[in-house]
C-alpha cells in the first residue's frame, strides 16, 4: 500500500435527529459509512486522501452536509447532487442503558440512484483507481439491485488493478425484501473482499452462524477477517494467524451509535499506517470507547 493511500467510502449520509430526554430533537448528520469516513480522516491525520461517494439532493440539508464533510477534510469530488431529491432522515431514541432504536424515512433518498444516473458513469470508472474502497451492508441495501451489480463490477476492477476492498457487514433486516435477498447480495460481494469487518451478531442474524468459528470458516478466501463483538473481545484472523483483543470498559455508556463505525475507522487507519492487527484493534477499541460516552454518531474533534 502506498504511503499516501487514496481511499473511497461508499454509502449514505442521512439527516439525524436525536430524541432528547426533555422531548426536544437535536439535528445533525450521520450514516454508517459517513461516520467511518469522518473518523478515518481524523485518525489518519495528514496521511492519504479520503473521499466520500454518495448522492444527495440540491436542498439546504444537502448543502450543509457537504460543508460539514469539507470541514472534516473529506473529498467531495465523488458526491452527486440530484435536482429535486432529498437525503434520507432517521431519528435515534436511546434508552436508560444507552441502547438505541432507529426510526427511518429513506424510501425516496437520492442515494438510491447513486449508481444508476448518467452522472454515475465517471464515478464508477474512477473507483478502481483507489487504493482502498470501503462499503457496508447498508450500502448494498440502499443501492438496489442495479446499483449493486454496478458496484460489484467496480470492486472486481479495483482488485484487478491492485486496490483492496473493505466490507463492513452492517446487516439491517428492515432494508431488505427478505433474508434470502440479503444473503444472495452479501455472498456475491464477499467474493470481492480483502478485509471483512464483521459484527458477529449481524452474521448470526443473517446466516445463522452459531459462533466465531463458524464465521471464520465461512470466509476462507478473505485474508483479513475482524469480528466485532460489542463489549466483548474482538477476534481477528489475518494471514492465517489468530488474535483476540479485549474491549475497553467504560463507566457509563451514553449512546452506542457509531461504536462499530468508529472501531472500523481506527482499525483501518492503524493498519494503513503499518500497525499489526492487534495494535489496530486496540486503536479501534480506544476510539469506540470514547464515542459511546457521547450522544450522537460523531463526537467533537479533539
C-alpha atoms as a PDB file:
ATOM      1  CA  UNK A   1       0.000   0.000   0.000  1.00  0.00           C
ATOM      2  CA  UNK A   2       1.244   3.470  -0.875  1.00  0.00           C
ATOM      3  CA  UNK A   3       2.299   5.794   1.950  1.00  0.00           C
ATOM      4  CA  UNK A   4      -0.379   8.243   0.785  1.00  0.00           C
ATOM      5  CA  UNK A   5      -3.325   5.972   0.025  1.00  0.00           C
ATOM      6  CA  UNK A   6      -6.380   7.150  -1.861  1.00  0.00           C
ATOM      7  CA  UNK A   7      -9.462   5.883  -0.048  1.00  0.00           C
ATOM      8  CA  UNK A   8     -13.107   5.924  -1.157  1.00  0.00           C
ATOM      9  CA  UNK A   9     -16.029   5.126   1.134  1.00  0.00           C
ATOM     10  CA  UNK A  10     -19.403   4.437  -0.481  1.00  0.00           C
ATOM     11  CA  UNK A  11     -22.753   4.846   1.193  1.00  0.00           C
ATOM     12  CA  UNK A  12     -25.442   7.077   2.584  1.00  0.00           C
ATOM     13  CA  UNK A  13     -25.459  10.028   4.937  1.00  0.00           C
ATOM     14  CA  UNK A  14     -28.821  10.952   6.436  1.00  0.00           C
ATOM     15  CA  UNK A  15     -30.309  13.766   8.437  1.00  0.00           C
ATOM     16  CA  UNK A  16     -30.030  12.599  12.052  1.00  0.00           C
ATOM     17  CA  UNK A  17     -32.492  13.597  14.767  1.00  0.00           C
ATOM     18  CA  UNK A  18     -31.512  12.747  18.337  1.00  0.00           C
ATOM     19  CA  UNK A  19     -34.510  12.455  20.650  1.00  0.00           C
ATOM     20  CA  UNK A  20     -33.544  14.106  23.947  1.00  0.00           C
ATOM     21  CA  UNK A  21     -34.910  13.295  27.410  1.00  0.00           C
ATOM     22  CA  UNK A  22     -36.843  16.582  27.535  1.00  0.00           C
ATOM     23  CA  UNK A  23     -38.656  15.711  24.302  1.00  0.00           C
ATOM     24  CA  UNK A  24     -36.626  18.030  22.078  1.00  0.00           C
ATOM     25  CA  UNK A  25     -34.847  16.931  18.897  1.00  0.00           C
ATOM     26  CA  UNK A  26     -31.219  17.734  18.089  1.00  0.00           C
ATOM     27  CA  UNK A  27     -30.456  17.737  14.367  1.00  0.00           C
ATOM     28  CA  UNK A  28     -27.156  16.553  12.918  1.00  0.00           C
ATOM     29  CA  UNK A  29     -25.989  14.187  10.160  1.00  0.00           C
ATOM     30  CA  UNK A  30     -24.941  10.558  10.229  1.00  0.00           C
ATOM     31  CA  UNK A  31     -24.756   7.231   8.445  1.00  0.00           C
ATOM     32  CA  UNK A  32     -22.549   4.198   8.904  1.00  0.00           C
ATOM     33  CA  UNK A  33     -20.035   4.742   6.111  1.00  0.00           C
ATOM     34  CA  UNK A  34     -20.051   8.510   6.593  1.00  0.00           C
ATOM     35  CA  UNK A  35     -19.277   8.033  10.282  1.00  0.00           C
ATOM     36  CA  UNK A  36     -16.397   5.762   9.321  1.00  0.00           C
ATOM     37  CA  UNK A  37     -15.166   8.242   6.703  1.00  0.00           C
ATOM     38  CA  UNK A  38     -15.055  11.099   9.218  1.00  0.00           C
ATOM     39  CA  UNK A  39     -13.316   9.072  11.903  1.00  0.00           C
ATOM     40  CA  UNK A  40     -10.908   7.580   9.352  1.00  0.00           C
ATOM     41  CA  UNK A  41      -9.964  11.065   8.140  1.00  0.00           C
ATOM     42  CA  UNK A  42      -9.373  12.198  11.736  1.00  0.00           C
ATOM     43  CA  UNK A  43      -7.357   9.083  12.640  1.00  0.00           C
ATOM     44  CA  UNK A  44      -5.161   9.235   9.537  1.00  0.00           C
ATOM     45  CA  UNK A  45      -4.099  12.826  10.170  1.00  0.00           C
ATOM     46  CA  UNK A  46      -2.051  14.010   7.208  1.00  0.00           C
ATOM     47  CA  UNK A  47      -1.888  10.540   5.638  1.00  0.00           C
ATOM     48  CA  UNK A  48      -3.652   9.991   2.315  1.00  0.00           C
ATOM     49  CA  UNK A  49      -6.970  11.242   0.947  1.00  0.00           C
ATOM     50  CA  UNK A  50     -10.464  10.163   1.989  1.00  0.00           C
ATOM     51  CA  UNK A  51     -13.330  10.682  -0.479  1.00  0.00           C
ATOM     52  CA  UNK A  52     -16.999  10.032   0.181  1.00  0.00           C
ATOM     53  CA  UNK A  53     -19.092   8.505  -2.598  1.00  0.00           C
ATOM     54  CA  UNK A  54     -22.821   9.173  -2.437  1.00  0.00           C
ATOM     55  CA  UNK A  55     -25.757  11.034  -3.979  1.00  0.00           C
ATOM     56  CA  UNK A  56     -27.585  13.960  -2.380  1.00  0.00           C
ATOM     57  CA  UNK A  57     -30.264  16.439  -3.379  1.00  0.00           C
ATOM     58  CA  UNK A  58     -29.959  20.127  -4.220  1.00  0.00           C
ATOM     59  CA  UNK A  59     -31.556  21.229  -0.930  1.00  0.00           C
ATOM     60  CA  UNK A  60     -30.170  23.149   2.046  1.00  0.00           C
ATOM     61  CA  UNK A  61     -29.650  19.986   4.126  1.00  0.00           C
ATOM     62  CA  UNK A  62     -27.504  18.522   1.346  1.00  0.00           C
ATOM     63  CA  UNK A  63     -25.570  21.791   1.175  1.00  0.00           C
ATOM     64  CA  UNK A  64     -24.945  21.629   4.916  1.00  0.00           C
ATOM     65  CA  UNK A  65     -23.800  18.016   4.687  1.00  0.00           C
ATOM     66  CA  UNK A  66     -21.248  18.868   2.016  1.00  0.00           C
ATOM     67  CA  UNK A  67     -19.969  21.793   4.054  1.00  0.00           C
ATOM     68  CA  UNK A  68     -19.564  19.605   7.130  1.00  0.00           C
ATOM     69  CA  UNK A  69     -17.707  16.948   5.142  1.00  0.00           C
ATOM     70  CA  UNK A  70     -15.402  19.539   3.626  1.00  0.00           C
ATOM     71  CA  UNK A  71     -14.734  20.910   7.123  1.00  0.00           C
ATOM     72  CA  UNK A  72     -13.754  17.371   8.170  1.00  0.00           C
ATOM     73  CA  UNK A  73     -11.313  17.099   5.267  1.00  0.00           C
ATOM     74  CA  UNK A  74     -13.320  14.675   3.154  1.00  0.00           C
ATOM     75  CA  UNK A  75     -13.097  14.902  -0.632  1.00  0.00           C
ATOM     76  CA  UNK A  76     -16.384  15.775  -2.361  1.00  0.00           C
ATOM     77  CA  UNK A  77     -15.443  15.012  -5.959  1.00  0.00           C
ATOM     78  CA  UNK A  78     -17.429  11.746  -5.910  1.00  0.00           C
ATOM     79  CA  UNK A  79     -20.642  13.265  -4.488  1.00  0.00           C
ATOM     80  CA  UNK A  80     -23.543  13.572  -6.946  1.00  0.00           C
ATOM     81  CA  UNK A  81     -26.174  16.293  -6.455  1.00  0.00           C
ATOM     82  CA  UNK A  82     -29.509  15.211  -7.949  1.00  0.00           C
ATOM     83  CA  UNK A  83     -32.004  18.043  -8.653  1.00  0.00           C
ATOM     84  CA  UNK A  84     -35.264  17.824  -6.764  1.00  0.00           C
ATOM     85  CA  UNK A  85     -34.129  14.990  -4.498  1.00  0.00           C
ATOM     86  CA  UNK A  86     -33.552  14.878  -0.728  1.00  0.00           C
ATOM     87  CA  UNK A  87     -31.378  12.935   1.709  1.00  0.00           C
ATOM     88  CA  UNK A  88     -32.909  10.264   3.936  1.00  0.00           C
ATOM     89  CA  UNK A  89     -33.776  11.010   7.567  1.00  0.00           C
ATOM     90  CA  UNK A  90     -33.631   8.992  10.767  1.00  0.00           C
ATOM     91  CA  UNK A  91     -34.376   9.515  14.443  1.00  0.00           C
ATOM     92  CA  UNK A  92     -32.425   7.953  17.321  1.00  0.00           C
ATOM     93  CA  UNK A  93     -34.279   7.116  20.528  1.00  0.00           C
ATOM     94  CA  UNK A  94     -31.948   5.994  23.338  1.00  0.00           C
ATOM     95  CA  UNK A  95     -32.979   4.138  26.496  1.00  0.00           C
ATOM     96  CA  UNK A  96     -31.516   4.432  30.006  1.00  0.00           C
ATOM     97  CA  UNK A  97     -28.834   1.834  29.188  1.00  0.00           C
ATOM     98  CA  UNK A  98     -27.564   3.626  26.075  1.00  0.00           C
ATOM     99  CA  UNK A  99     -29.211   1.191  23.659  1.00  0.00           C
ATOM    100  CA  UNK A 100     -30.765   2.829  20.634  1.00  0.00           C
ATOM    101  CA  UNK A 101     -33.861   2.470  18.496  1.00  0.00           C
ATOM    102  CA  UNK A 102     -33.948   3.904  14.986  1.00  0.00           C
ATOM    103  CA  UNK A 103     -36.874   5.296  13.030  1.00  0.00           C
ATOM    104  CA  UNK A 104     -36.248   5.830   9.293  1.00  0.00           C
ATOM    105  CA  UNK A 105     -37.623   7.935   6.430  1.00  0.00           C
ATOM    106  CA  UNK A 106     -35.457   6.985   3.448  1.00  0.00           C
ATOM    107  CA  UNK A 107     -37.515   5.402   0.639  1.00  0.00           C
ATOM    108  CA  UNK A 108     -37.034   8.374  -1.693  1.00  0.00           C
ATOM    109  CA  UNK A 109     -33.459   9.186  -0.685  1.00  0.00           C
ATOM    110  CA  UNK A 110     -31.209  10.391  -3.516  1.00  0.00           C
ATOM    111  CA  UNK A 111     -28.573   7.761  -2.746  1.00  0.00           C
ATOM    112  CA  UNK A 112     -30.830   5.049  -4.156  1.00  0.00           C
ATOM    113  CA  UNK A 113     -29.907   6.333  -7.623  1.00  0.00           C
ATOM    114  CA  UNK A 114     -26.223   6.791  -6.834  1.00  0.00           C
ATOM    115  CA  UNK A 115     -25.051   4.325  -9.495  1.00  0.00           C
ATOM    116  CA  UNK A 116     -27.951   4.473 -11.968  1.00  0.00           C
ATOM    117  CA  UNK A 117     -27.732   8.052 -13.285  1.00  0.00           C
ATOM    118  CA  UNK A 118     -25.651   9.212 -16.277  1.00  0.00           C
ATOM    119  CA  UNK A 119     -23.555  11.229 -13.810  1.00  0.00           C
ATOM    120  CA  UNK A 120     -22.571   7.948 -12.135  1.00  0.00           C
ATOM    121  CA  UNK A 121     -20.523   6.769 -15.126  1.00  0.00           C
ATOM    122  CA  UNK A 122     -17.334   8.750 -14.366  1.00  0.00           C
ATOM    123  CA  UNK A 123     -17.662   7.891 -10.668  1.00  0.00           C
ATOM    124  CA  UNK A 124     -17.871   4.167 -11.331  1.00  0.00           C
ATOM    125  CA  UNK A 125     -14.956   4.485 -13.738  1.00  0.00           C
ATOM    126  CA  UNK A 126     -12.877   6.299 -11.099  1.00  0.00           C
ATOM    127  CA  UNK A 127     -13.451   3.846  -8.234  1.00  0.00           C
ATOM    128  CA  UNK A 128     -10.906   1.236  -9.431  1.00  0.00           C
ATOM    129  CA  UNK A 129      -8.205   3.919  -9.248  1.00  0.00           C
ATOM    130  CA  UNK A 130      -8.388   4.000  -5.447  1.00  0.00           C
ATOM    131  CA  UNK A 131      -6.040   2.058  -3.192  1.00  0.00           C
ATOM    132  CA  UNK A 132      -8.844   1.190  -0.768  1.00  0.00           C
ATOM    133  CA  UNK A 133     -12.601   1.039  -1.400  1.00  0.00           C
ATOM    134  CA  UNK A 134     -14.886   0.671   1.632  1.00  0.00           C
ATOM    135  CA  UNK A 135     -18.620  -0.031   1.769  1.00  0.00           C
ATOM    136  CA  UNK A 136     -21.148  -1.700   4.041  1.00  0.00           C
ATOM    137  CA  UNK A 137     -24.201  -3.919   4.104  1.00  0.00           C
ATOM    138  CA  UNK A 138     -26.317  -0.791   4.365  1.00  0.00           C
ATOM    139  CA  UNK A 139     -24.660   0.487   1.183  1.00  0.00           C
ATOM    140  CA  UNK A 140     -25.690  -2.752  -0.527  1.00  0.00           C
ATOM    141  CA  UNK A 141     -29.283  -2.424   0.630  1.00  0.00           C
ATOM    142  CA  UNK A 142     -29.865   1.205  -0.350  1.00  0.00           C
ATOM    143  CA  UNK A 143     -28.222   0.910  -3.788  1.00  0.00           C
ATOM    144  CA  UNK A 144     -30.777  -1.587  -5.055  1.00  0.00           C
ATOM    145  CA  UNK A 145     -30.184  -4.489  -7.412  1.00  0.00           C
ATOM    146  CA  UNK A 146     -28.906  -2.498 -10.401  1.00  0.00           C
ATOM    147  CA  UNK A 147     -26.649  -0.352  -8.235  1.00  0.00           C
ATOM    148  CA  UNK A 148     -25.255  -3.443  -6.507  1.00  0.00           C
ATOM    149  CA  UNK A 149     -24.341  -5.085  -9.803  1.00  0.00           C
ATOM    150  CA  UNK A 150     -22.542  -1.960 -10.979  1.00  0.00           C
ATOM    151  CA  UNK A 151     -20.714  -1.694  -7.656  1.00  0.00           C
ATOM    152  CA  UNK A 152     -19.665  -5.336  -7.910  1.00  0.00           C
ATOM    153  CA  UNK A 153     -18.112  -4.703 -11.309  1.00  0.00           C
ATOM    154  CA  UNK A 154     -16.189  -1.725  -9.936  1.00  0.00           C
ATOM    155  CA  UNK A 155     -14.938  -3.760  -6.961  1.00  0.00           C
ATOM    156  CA  UNK A 156     -13.666  -6.534  -9.195  1.00  0.00           C
ATOM    157  CA  UNK A 157     -11.806  -3.991 -11.331  1.00  0.00           C
ATOM    158  CA  UNK A 158     -10.391  -2.321  -8.207  1.00  0.00           C
ATOM    159  CA  UNK A 159      -8.841  -5.598  -7.109  1.00  0.00           C
ATOM    160  CA  UNK A 160      -7.615  -6.386 -10.603  1.00  0.00           C
ATOM    161  CA  UNK A 161      -5.674  -3.121 -10.542  1.00  0.00           C
ATOM    162  CA  UNK A 162      -4.159  -3.874  -7.139  1.00  0.00           C
ATOM    163  CA  UNK A 163      -6.539  -1.984  -4.859  1.00  0.00           C
ATOM    164  CA  UNK A 164      -8.092  -3.517  -1.758  1.00  0.00           C
ATOM    165  CA  UNK A 165     -11.775  -3.828  -0.894  1.00  0.00           C
ATOM    166  CA  UNK A 166     -13.080  -3.473   2.669  1.00  0.00           C
ATOM    167  CA  UNK A 167     -16.574  -4.521   3.734  1.00  0.00           C
ATOM    168  CA  UNK A 168     -18.455  -3.905   6.992  1.00  0.00           C
ATOM    169  CA  UNK A 169     -21.455  -6.255   7.134  1.00  0.00           C
ATOM    170  CA  UNK A 170     -23.906  -3.919   9.000  1.00  0.00           C
ATOM    171  CA  UNK A 171     -26.965  -6.083   8.293  1.00  0.00           C
ATOM    172  CA  UNK A 172     -30.293  -4.279   8.749  1.00  0.00           C
ATOM    173  CA  UNK A 173     -33.232  -6.647   8.035  1.00  0.00           C
ATOM    174  CA  UNK A 174     -35.742  -3.834   7.507  1.00  0.00           C
ATOM    175  CA  UNK A 175     -33.794  -2.652   4.433  1.00  0.00           C
ATOM    176  CA  UNK A 176     -34.232  -5.954   2.579  1.00  0.00           C
ATOM    177  CA  UNK A 177     -37.285  -7.583   0.999  1.00  0.00           C
ATOM    178  CA  UNK A 178     -36.380 -10.813   2.799  1.00  0.00           C
ATOM    179  CA  UNK A 179     -33.394 -12.589   4.300  1.00  0.00           C
ATOM    180  CA  UNK A 180     -32.739 -14.629   1.152  1.00  0.00           C
ATOM    181  CA  UNK A 181     -32.313 -11.472  -0.940  1.00  0.00           C
ATOM    182  CA  UNK A 182     -29.821 -10.158   1.593  1.00  0.00           C
ATOM    183  CA  UNK A 183     -27.899 -13.428   1.719  1.00  0.00           C
ATOM    184  CA  UNK A 184     -27.584 -13.534  -2.061  1.00  0.00           C
ATOM    185  CA  UNK A 185     -26.284  -9.965  -2.229  1.00  0.00           C
ATOM    186  CA  UNK A 186     -23.804 -10.496   0.608  1.00  0.00           C
ATOM    187  CA  UNK A 187     -22.435 -13.710  -0.861  1.00  0.00           C
ATOM    188  CA  UNK A 188     -21.775 -12.021  -4.195  1.00  0.00           C
ATOM    189  CA  UNK A 189     -19.797  -9.142  -2.720  1.00  0.00           C
ATOM    190  CA  UNK A 190     -17.889 -11.253  -0.204  1.00  0.00           C
ATOM    191  CA  UNK A 191     -16.139 -12.869  -3.141  1.00  0.00           C
ATOM    192  CA  UNK A 192     -14.530  -9.470  -3.874  1.00  0.00           C
ATOM    193  CA  UNK A 193     -13.484  -8.544  -0.314  1.00  0.00           C
ATOM    194  CA  UNK A 194      -9.941  -8.361   1.082  1.00  0.00           C
ATOM    195  CA  UNK A 195     -10.724  -7.091   4.600  1.00  0.00           C
ATOM    196  CA  UNK A 196     -14.018  -8.048   6.266  1.00  0.00           C
ATOM    197  CA  UNK A 197     -15.068  -6.063   9.324  1.00  0.00           C
ATOM    198  CA  UNK A 198     -17.940  -8.160  10.624  1.00  0.00           C
ATOM    199  CA  UNK A 199     -20.259  -7.619  13.563  1.00  0.00           C
ATOM    200  CA  UNK A 200     -20.708 -11.147  14.873  1.00  0.00           C
ATOM    201  CA  UNK A 201     -24.352 -10.582  15.884  1.00  0.00           C
ATOM    202  CA  UNK A 202     -25.145  -9.488  12.313  1.00  0.00           C
ATOM    203  CA  UNK A 203     -23.530 -12.606  10.878  1.00  0.00           C
ATOM    204  CA  UNK A 204     -25.626 -14.727  13.222  1.00  0.00           C
ATOM    205  CA  UNK A 205     -28.812 -12.857  12.276  1.00  0.00           C
ATOM    206  CA  UNK A 206     -28.165 -13.079   8.546  1.00  0.00           C
ATOM    207  CA  UNK A 207     -26.625 -16.530   8.126  1.00  0.00           C
ATOM    208  CA  UNK A 208     -27.385 -18.283  11.415  1.00  0.00           C
ATOM    209  CA  UNK A 209     -23.753 -18.867  12.345  1.00  0.00           C
ATOM    210  CA  UNK A 210     -23.540 -20.140  15.919  1.00  0.00           C
ATOM    211  CA  UNK A 211     -20.168 -18.715  16.927  1.00  0.00           C
ATOM    212  CA  UNK A 212     -16.927 -17.067  15.809  1.00  0.00           C
ATOM    213  CA  UNK A 213     -15.517 -20.309  14.439  1.00  0.00           C
ATOM    214  CA  UNK A 214     -18.399 -20.712  12.023  1.00  0.00           C
ATOM    215  CA  UNK A 215     -17.990 -17.121  10.838  1.00  0.00           C
ATOM    216  CA  UNK A 216     -14.265 -17.587  10.219  1.00  0.00           C
ATOM    217  CA  UNK A 217     -14.925 -20.880   8.440  1.00  0.00           C
ATOM    218  CA  UNK A 218     -17.439 -19.206   6.118  1.00  0.00           C
ATOM    219  CA  UNK A 219     -14.776 -16.927   4.587  1.00  0.00           C
ATOM    220  CA  UNK A 220     -11.629 -18.991   3.947  1.00  0.00           C
ATOM    221  CA  UNK A 221     -10.559 -16.838   0.988  1.00  0.00           C
ATOM    222  CA  UNK A 222     -10.663 -13.477   2.795  1.00  0.00           C
ATOM    223  CA  UNK A 223      -7.182 -12.540   4.002  1.00  0.00           C
ATOM    224  CA  UNK A 224      -8.234 -10.430   6.984  1.00  0.00           C
ATOM    225  CA  UNK A 225     -11.431 -11.041   8.958  1.00  0.00           C
ATOM    226  CA  UNK A 226     -12.215  -8.919  12.014  1.00  0.00           C
ATOM    227  CA  UNK A 227     -15.125  -9.961  14.243  1.00  0.00           C
ATOM    228  CA  UNK A 228     -16.582  -7.074  16.233  1.00  0.00           C
ATOM    229  CA  UNK A 229     -18.368  -8.390  19.319  1.00  0.00           C
ATOM    230  CA  UNK A 230     -19.644  -5.301  21.160  1.00  0.00           C
ATOM    231  CA  UNK A 231     -18.363  -5.111  24.722  1.00  0.00           C
ATOM    232  CA  UNK A 232     -16.614  -8.477  24.344  1.00  0.00           C
ATOM    233  CA  UNK A 233     -13.197  -9.087  22.815  1.00  0.00           C
ATOM    234  CA  UNK A 234     -12.841  -8.720  19.065  1.00  0.00           C
ATOM    235  CA  UNK A 235     -11.363 -11.688  17.230  1.00  0.00           C
ATOM    236  CA  UNK A 236      -9.155 -11.411  14.174  1.00  0.00           C
ATOM    237  CA  UNK A 237      -7.815 -13.821  11.590  1.00  0.00           C
ATOM    238  CA  UNK A 238      -5.135 -12.286   9.398  1.00  0.00           C
ATOM    239  CA  UNK A 239      -2.916 -14.274   7.031  1.00  0.00           C
ATOM    240  CA  UNK A 240      -3.875 -17.422   8.910  1.00  0.00           C
ATOM    241  CA  UNK A 241      -2.897 -16.102  12.355  1.00  0.00           C
ATOM    242  CA  UNK A 242      -5.457 -15.526  15.108  1.00  0.00           C
ATOM    243  CA  UNK A 243      -5.577 -12.834  17.786  1.00  0.00           C
ATOM    244  CA  UNK A 244      -8.199 -11.736  20.349  1.00  0.00           C
ATOM    245  CA  UNK A 245      -8.197  -8.209  21.773  1.00  0.00           C
ATOM    246  CA  UNK A 246     -10.375  -7.271  24.784  1.00  0.00           C
ATOM    247  CA  UNK A 247     -12.669  -4.268  24.556  1.00  0.00           C
ATOM    248  CA  UNK A 248     -12.143  -1.307  26.880  1.00  0.00           C
ATOM    249  CA  UNK A 249     -14.680  -0.981  29.675  1.00  0.00           C
ATOM    250  CA  UNK A 250     -16.275   2.406  30.287  1.00  0.00           C
ATOM    251  CA  UNK A 251     -18.035   3.602  33.416  1.00  0.00           C
ATOM    252  CA  UNK A 252     -21.177   4.859  31.691  1.00  0.00           C
ATOM    253  CA  UNK A 253     -22.428   4.103  28.202  1.00  0.00           C
ATOM    254  CA  UNK A 254     -24.342   7.114  26.906  1.00  0.00           C
ATOM    255  CA  UNK A 255     -25.037   6.159  23.268  1.00  0.00           C
ATOM    256  CA  UNK A 256     -23.718   3.190  21.284  1.00  0.00           C
ATOM    257  CA  UNK A 257     -24.386   4.883  17.924  1.00  0.00           C
ATOM    258  CA  UNK A 258     -21.329   4.585  15.629  1.00  0.00           C
ATOM    259  CA  UNK A 259     -19.395   2.351  18.035  1.00  0.00           C
ATOM    260  CA  UNK A 260     -18.734  -0.177  15.284  1.00  0.00           C
ATOM    261  CA  UNK A 261     -18.173   2.503  12.637  1.00  0.00           C
ATOM    262  CA  UNK A 262     -15.536   4.241  14.743  1.00  0.00           C
ATOM    263  CA  UNK A 263     -13.834   0.946  15.584  1.00  0.00           C
ATOM    264  CA  UNK A 264     -13.594   0.158  11.873  1.00  0.00           C
ATOM    265  CA  UNK A 265     -12.146   3.600  11.121  1.00  0.00           C
ATOM    266  CA  UNK A 266      -9.450   3.454  13.787  1.00  0.00           C
ATOM    267  CA  UNK A 267      -8.610  -0.143  12.912  1.00  0.00           C
ATOM    268  CA  UNK A 268      -8.157   0.665   9.226  1.00  0.00           C
ATOM    269  CA  UNK A 269      -6.199   3.853   9.923  1.00  0.00           C
ATOM    270  CA  UNK A 270      -3.790   1.938  12.131  1.00  0.00           C
ATOM    271  CA  UNK A 271      -3.368  -0.828   9.565  1.00  0.00           C
ATOM    272  CA  UNK A 272      -2.742   1.706   6.802  1.00  0.00           C
ATOM    273  CA  UNK A 273      -0.019   3.259   8.955  1.00  0.00           C
ATOM    274  CA  UNK A 274       1.680  -0.090   9.458  1.00  0.00           C
ATOM    275  CA  UNK A 275       0.243  -1.354  12.746  1.00  0.00           C
ATOM    276  CA  UNK A 276      -0.304  -5.045  13.415  1.00  0.00           C
ATOM    277  CA  UNK A 277      -3.878  -6.371  13.609  1.00  0.00           C
ATOM    278  CA  UNK A 278      -3.597  -6.487  17.403  1.00  0.00           C
ATOM    279  CA  UNK A 279      -2.361  -2.883  17.607  1.00  0.00           C
ATOM    280  CA  UNK A 280      -5.076  -1.816  15.185  1.00  0.00           C
ATOM    281  CA  UNK A 281      -7.759  -3.491  17.303  1.00  0.00           C
ATOM    282  CA  UNK A 282      -6.532  -1.623  20.393  1.00  0.00           C
ATOM    283  CA  UNK A 283      -6.840   1.602  18.417  1.00  0.00           C
ATOM    284  CA  UNK A 284     -10.357   0.622  17.384  1.00  0.00           C
ATOM    285  CA  UNK A 285     -11.405  -0.128  20.943  1.00  0.00           C
ATOM    286  CA  UNK A 286      -9.911   3.141  22.209  1.00  0.00           C
ATOM    287  CA  UNK A 287     -11.866   5.273  19.767  1.00  0.00           C
ATOM    288  CA  UNK A 288     -15.115   3.298  20.185  1.00  0.00           C
ATOM    289  CA  UNK A 289     -14.868   3.641  23.972  1.00  0.00           C
ATOM    290  CA  UNK A 290     -14.788   7.428  23.566  1.00  0.00           C
ATOM    291  CA  UNK A 291     -17.621   7.502  21.045  1.00  0.00           C
ATOM    292  CA  UNK A 292     -20.088   5.578  23.247  1.00  0.00           C
ATOM    293  CA  UNK A 293     -19.697   8.130  26.045  1.00  0.00           C
ATOM    294  CA  UNK A 294     -21.085  10.976  23.902  1.00  0.00           C
ATOM    295  CA  UNK A 295     -24.581  11.360  22.346  1.00  0.00           C
ATOM    296  CA  UNK A 296     -24.867  11.000  18.586  1.00  0.00           C
ATOM    297  CA  UNK A 297     -22.770   9.430  15.865  1.00  0.00           C
ATOM    298  CA  UNK A 298     -19.931  11.949  15.582  1.00  0.00           C
ATOM    299  CA  UNK A 299     -18.150  13.200  18.670  1.00  0.00           C
ATOM    300  CA  UNK A 300     -16.480  16.644  18.660  1.00  0.00           C
ATOM    301  CA  UNK A 301     -12.984  16.827  17.237  1.00  0.00           C
ATOM    302  CA  UNK A 302     -10.050  16.971  19.610  1.00  0.00           C
END
